[in-house]
Amino acid sequence: MIVLALDTAGIDCSVALYDATADKILSVQTEMIGKGHAEKLMAQIEAALAQAGITLKDVGRIAVTIGPGSFTGIRVGVAAARGFALSLGIEAVGITTLETMATHQLESAAGHPVIAAMDAKRGEIYAQPFGADGSPLEEAQALPPEAVTALATHYSATIFGTGAVAIAAAEAGEISEPGIKTVPDRFDIATVAKLGAAKPFGSAKPKPLYLRGPDAKPQTGFALARS
């Protein structure tokens, strides 16, 4: 099965093609753009297909990051994934950015639980604990820094991601300072593809994972059908 993976949930516009049968990444196209995913995504898909030497008709499943992350970017990716799935008559599955982060982290630092943590601004952290095997221990939540620290203590877990930086700043009393900034989290598109291939058949259609309301109006260019 060939999986087409899409990520527009953060600052990247990323596409990958993965041959699950051969366990081989066929192509990757990633560009850090910040905004404007709706204008860039189709070109990225075309480039990834050309690099892999296949067409959309060869794709058997779509995987897409569903958040948490950029409200507008998530809508672009999810709408595109569901549109492709409908037109091709195949399945689309959603992959959270936090599970992507945790899986990628555990590949190089396995052995104990981790907490994938993203700086959500406004004094909050998007966080979710995962076991050493990558299984989620709780649902993803938007939490104050002290609650994430308590979660780490409870599970004896290591906190990583921009949320860890934000927590350190909060503990130092600097969370409200304008000079405290974090480099945005990035979501490994190859990991998204592999997680998408591993999802069971018959999974629910992907839909945005919003842990709080939007900070900005959505981009035009893609319409997301109500589920």
Protein backbone atom coordinates (compact mmCIF):
# COMPACT_ATOMS: atom_id res chain seq x y z
CA MET A 1 0.00 0.00 0.00
CA ILE A 2 1.25 3.47 -0.92
CA VAL A 3 0.50 6.17 1.65
CA LEU A 4 0.37 9.86 0.77
CA ALA A 5 1.14 11.86 3.92
CA LEU A 6 0.35 15.57 4.31
CA ASP A 7 1.39 18.03 7.01
CA THR A 8 0.18 21.62 7.09
CA ALA A 9 -0.38 21.84 10.85
CA GLY A 10 2.66 23.98 11.60
CA ILE A 11 5.25 26.09 9.83
CA ASP A 12 6.03 23.40 7.24
CA CYS A 13 4.17 22.37 4.13
CA SER A 14 5.24 18.74 3.87
CA VAL A 15 4.34 15.77 1.69
CA ALA A 16 5.69 12.22 1.70
CA LEU A 17 4.96 9.01 -0.18
CA TYR A 18 5.55 5.77 1.69
CA ASP A 19 5.46 2.19 0.43
CA ALA A 20 4.18 0.34 3.48
CA THR A 21 4.73 -3.09 1.93
CA ALA A 22 8.42 -2.43 1.31
CA ASP A 23 8.74 -0.14 4.37
CA LYS A 24 10.34 2.50 2.16
CA ILE A 25 9.91 6.26 1.93
CA LEU A 26 9.57 6.97 -1.79
CA SER A 27 9.74 10.75 -1.68
CA VAL A 28 9.66 13.72 0.67
CA GLN A 29 8.91 17.36 -0.08
CA THR A 30 9.19 19.80 2.84
CA GLU A 31 9.31 23.57 2.83
CA MET A 32 9.19 25.86 5.86
CA ILE A 33 6.67 28.50 4.82
CA GLY A 34 4.95 29.62 8.04
CA LYS A 35 1.72 30.59 6.29
CA GLY A 36 0.10 30.11 2.88
CA HIS A 37 -0.33 26.33 2.96
CA ALA A 38 -3.39 26.47 0.71
CA GLU A 39 -1.35 28.02 -2.09
CA LYS A 40 1.62 25.67 -1.71
CA LEU A 41 0.23 22.21 -0.92
CA MET A 42 -0.79 21.08 -4.41
CA ALA A 43 2.61 21.92 -5.87
CA GLN A 44 4.26 19.95 -3.07
CA ILE A 45 2.06 16.93 -3.81
CA GLU A 46 2.86 17.09 -7.52
CA ALA A 47 6.59 17.31 -6.78
CA ALA A 48 6.45 14.34 -4.39
CA LEU A 49 4.58 12.22 -6.95
CA ALA A 50 7.08 13.13 -9.66
CA GLN A 51 10.02 12.31 -7.38
CA ALA A 52 8.50 8.92 -6.56
CA GLY A 53 7.61 8.22 -10.19
CA ILE A 54 3.97 7.39 -9.43
CA THR A 55 0.53 8.97 -9.84
CA LEU A 56 -2.34 9.59 -7.47
CA LYS A 57 -4.00 6.44 -8.78
CA ASP A 58 -1.21 4.42 -7.13
CA VAL A 59 -2.03 5.83 -3.68
CA GLY A 60 -3.99 3.54 -1.37
CA ARG A 61 -4.37 5.75 1.70
CA ILE A 62 -4.03 9.40 2.74
CA ALA A 63 -2.57 10.38 6.13
CA VAL A 64 -2.79 13.94 7.43
CA THR A 65 -1.79 15.80 10.57
CA ILE A 66 -4.92 17.00 12.36
CA GLY A 67 -3.44 19.11 15.16
CA PRO A 68 -3.04 20.62 17.58
CA GLY A 69 -1.32 23.35 15.66
CA SER A 70 -2.18 26.13 13.25
CA PHE A 71 -5.96 26.51 13.02
CA THR A 72 -5.84 27.59 9.37
CA GLY A 73 -3.14 25.14 8.33
CA ILE A 74 -4.97 22.18 9.85
CA ARG A 75 -8.12 23.01 7.92
CA VAL A 76 -6.16 23.12 4.66
CA GLY A 77 -4.56 19.71 5.20
CA VAL A 78 -7.68 17.95 6.45
CA ALA A 79 -9.84 19.33 3.64
CA ALA A 80 -7.28 18.25 1.04
CA ALA A 81 -6.94 14.75 2.54
CA ARG A 82 -10.67 14.19 2.64
CA GLY A 83 -11.08 15.56 -0.88
CA PHE A 84 -8.42 13.24 -2.29
CA ALA A 85 -9.85 10.26 -0.41
CA LEU A 86 -13.33 10.92 -1.79
CA SER A 87 -12.17 11.40 -5.37
CA LEU A 88 -9.87 8.36 -5.33
CA GLY A 89 -12.24 6.10 -3.41
CA ILE A 90 -9.68 5.39 -0.69
CA GLU A 91 -9.39 5.94 3.05
CA ALA A 92 -8.01 9.02 4.81
CA VAL A 93 -6.73 8.86 8.39
CA GLY A 94 -5.77 11.54 10.87
CA ILE A 95 -2.49 11.66 12.78
CA THR A 96 -2.07 14.07 15.68
CA THR A 97 0.97 16.29 15.82
CA LEU A 98 1.64 15.15 19.39
CA GLU A 99 1.72 11.45 18.49
CA THR A 100 3.99 12.31 15.57
CA MET A 101 6.36 14.15 17.90
CA ALA A 102 6.32 11.35 20.48
CA THR A 103 6.90 8.56 17.95
CA HIS A 104 9.78 10.44 16.36
CA GLN A 105 11.31 11.19 19.77
CA LEU A 106 11.00 7.60 20.96
CA GLU A 107 12.81 6.32 17.87
CA SER A 108 15.99 7.91 19.17
CA ALA A 109 15.30 8.05 22.91
CA ALA A 110 13.20 5.00 23.75
CA GLY A 111 13.06 3.39 27.16
CA HIS A 112 10.78 5.52 29.29
CA PRO A 113 7.58 7.60 28.99
CA VAL A 114 7.63 11.01 27.31
CA ILE A 115 5.35 14.00 27.19
CA ALA A 116 5.03 15.70 23.81
CA ALA A 117 4.54 19.36 24.68
CA MET A 118 3.92 22.29 22.37
CA ASP A 119 3.98 25.93 23.41
CA ALA A 120 0.37 26.99 22.83
CA LYS A 121 1.03 30.61 23.95
CA ARG A 122 -1.42 32.41 26.25
CA GLY A 123 0.31 30.66 29.15
CA GLU A 124 -0.79 27.19 28.02
CA ILE A 125 0.88 24.02 26.77
CA TYR A 126 -0.57 21.45 24.37
CA ALA A 127 0.54 18.22 26.01
CA GLN A 128 0.03 14.46 25.94
CA PRO A 129 1.91 11.68 27.76
CA PHE A 130 3.01 8.54 25.91
CA GLY A 131 4.38 5.26 27.21
CA ALA A 132 7.79 3.93 26.25
CA ASP A 133 6.04 1.89 23.53
CA GLY A 134 4.46 5.00 22.02
CA SER A 135 0.95 4.32 23.30
CA PRO A 136 -0.97 7.37 24.61
CA LEU A 137 -1.44 7.41 28.38
CA GLU A 138 -4.01 10.23 28.40
CA GLU A 139 -5.87 12.42 25.92
CA ALA A 140 -4.20 15.55 24.54
CA GLN A 141 -5.01 18.67 26.52
CA ALA A 142 -4.27 22.38 26.73
CA LEU A 143 -2.79 22.79 30.21
CA PRO A 144 -1.02 25.39 32.33
CA PRO A 145 2.72 24.75 32.72
CA GLU A 146 2.44 23.51 36.30
CA ALA A 147 -0.10 20.87 35.29
CA VAL A 148 2.26 19.50 32.63
CA THR A 149 5.05 19.34 35.21
CA ALA A 150 2.73 17.42 37.55
CA LEU A 151 1.87 15.05 34.70
CA ALA A 152 5.56 14.40 34.09
CA THR A 153 6.06 13.60 37.77
CA HIS A 154 3.08 11.26 37.80
CA TYR A 155 4.31 9.23 34.82
CA SER A 156 8.06 9.70 35.44
CA ALA A 157 8.13 11.11 31.92
CA THR A 158 10.49 13.43 30.09
CA ILE A 159 8.92 16.58 28.66
CA PHE A 160 10.17 17.61 25.21
CA GLY A 161 9.21 20.07 22.50
CA THR A 162 8.66 23.81 22.66
CA GLY A 163 6.42 23.23 25.65
CA ALA A 164 9.47 22.24 27.68
CA VAL A 165 11.06 25.62 26.91
CA ALA A 166 7.85 27.44 27.81
CA ILE A 167 7.60 25.54 31.09
CA ALA A 168 11.17 26.47 32.00
CA ALA A 169 10.36 30.10 31.22
CA ALA A 170 7.22 29.93 33.37
CA GLU A 171 9.17 28.46 36.27
CA ALA A 172 11.60 31.35 35.93
CA GLY A 173 8.71 33.81 35.96
CA GLU A 174 9.30 34.84 32.35
CA ILE A 175 6.21 33.41 30.62
CA SER A 176 4.66 36.86 30.05
CA GLU A 177 7.86 38.53 28.88
CA PRO A 178 7.70 39.55 25.17
CA GLY A 179 11.29 38.41 24.65
CA ILE A 180 10.52 34.79 25.53
CA LYS A 181 10.06 32.95 22.25
CA THR A 182 10.37 29.35 21.13
CA VAL A 183 11.36 27.89 17.77
CA PRO A 184 8.17 26.30 16.38
CA ASP A 185 7.74 22.55 16.65
CA ARG A 186 8.10 20.61 13.40
CA PHE A 187 6.43 17.30 12.57
CA ASP A 188 8.44 14.64 10.76
CA ILE A 189 6.48 13.80 7.62
CA ALA A 190 8.02 10.33 7.25
CA THR A 191 6.73 9.53 10.74
CA VAL A 192 3.28 10.79 9.75
CA ALA A 193 3.33 8.46 6.75
CA LYS A 194 4.34 5.41 8.79
CA LEU A 195 1.78 6.12 11.49
CA GLY A 196 -0.85 6.51 8.79
CA ALA A 197 0.01 3.12 7.31
CA ALA A 198 -0.32 1.51 10.74
CA LYS A 199 -3.82 2.82 11.44
CA PRO A 200 -6.49 0.09 11.28
CA PHE A 201 -8.79 0.00 8.28
CA GLY A 202 -12.16 1.56 8.96
CA SER A 203 -10.70 4.39 11.05
CA ALA A 204 -12.78 7.54 11.42
CA LYS A 205 -12.42 10.27 8.82
CA PRO A 206 -9.80 12.84 9.81
CA LYS A 207 -11.10 15.97 11.46
CA PRO A 208 -9.27 18.88 13.07
CA LEU A 209 -8.11 18.45 16.66
CA TYR A 210 -8.63 21.86 18.22
CA LEU A 211 -7.83 22.05 21.92
CA ARG A 212 -9.08 25.64 22.09
CA GLY A 213 -10.57 28.33 19.82
CA PRO A 214 -8.76 29.81 16.80
CA ASP A 215 -6.33 32.74 17.04
CA ALA A 216 -7.02 33.85 13.45
CA LYS A 217 -9.51 33.50 10.63
CA PRO A 218 -9.08 30.46 8.36
CA GLN A 219 -7.40 30.71 4.94
CA THR A 220 -9.57 30.64 1.85
CA GLY A 221 -8.94 28.09 -0.86
CA PHE A 222 -10.18 24.91 0.81
CA ALA A 223 -13.63 24.20 2.20
CA LEU A 224 -13.96 21.62 4.96
CA ALA A 225 -17.19 19.63 4.80
CA ARG A 226 -19.02 19.08 8.05
CA SER A 227 -18.83 15.52 9.34
